[in-house]
Amino acid sequence: MRTKLGLAFSFAWIAGYADVICLIRYKVFPSMMTGNLLQLGRSFFEEIDATFLIAIIVCRMGGLAVHYFAERRFAYGTTLVAPFLFVMIIGIEALRLHWPDAFPRKYEVCFLAPVFGVQSAVSMQGCLGCPTSMGTGHLQNITYSIIGYFTGEAVNHLKLFCDLAIICGLAFGALCGSVANSYLKGYMAHDFLLSAAMVPMIVLFSIDDWCSTPPPDLPKQASFKDRIFSHPSNDDLCDDTSKKSK
């Protein structure tokens, strides 16, 4: 239970942190596509870069595809993909730091969006089984739980605590992102605020992957390398939506 609540809060914290930084800087979201779709609708009558918004949406879908094929190929596909995602983000921010004119800074969100595509898939198909980058559904669940207390209906406390953890994580992450973006202006750290969030994200991906993946069918004396690069079981491959066992 502690692991699940910790994952829920942490995933939500990172989403809130990155979303608010990108919202302040570029008026877009790397994780919540609903906001980008609303902005896309506005772009038909207002001066908003529709191409940029479409690129973010497509890149996030690409992250979902990366997760799908990694998990189809390896039992611990998310763990293997995570370091490459981190190198990609920190590389883009380092490139922008040394060559500011390499490309418009806002396009770094296009490299961040695939990471949150992977996060979305991990959240839905891993230990949690629910989204961690949006609060509407969780607020609805909390409302029904409160109603359940007053009407005497059964309340799923683990689900309630998970909903609360995600709501609190999103709000606290947004607070931290706003503070960091405001108070670190003029410092080099301001250019690496987004990549800083990728370090805990990689750890969380790996924790979720190891907790939700059934042990591979290998001899006990198999090395760590053999386990990490092992193939998912046939039963997992028969599942079209997820290889994970809840």
Foldseek 3Di string as FASTA:
>chain_A
DVLLLVLLLLLLLLQLLQQLLLCVVPVDGLADLVSLVVVLVCVVPDVDPNVLSVLSVVLLVVLLVQLVVLVQQALLSLLVCLVVLLCQLVVVLVCCVVPVVPDPPSSSSSSVNSLSSVVQLLCCFFDNNDGLNDQPVLVVLLVVQVVCVVVVHDHDVVSNSSSVSSVVSSVNSNVVNVCCCPPCPPHPVNSCSSSVSSVVSSVSSNVRSVVFRDFDPDDPPDDPVCRRSDGQDPVLSVDPRGSTDD
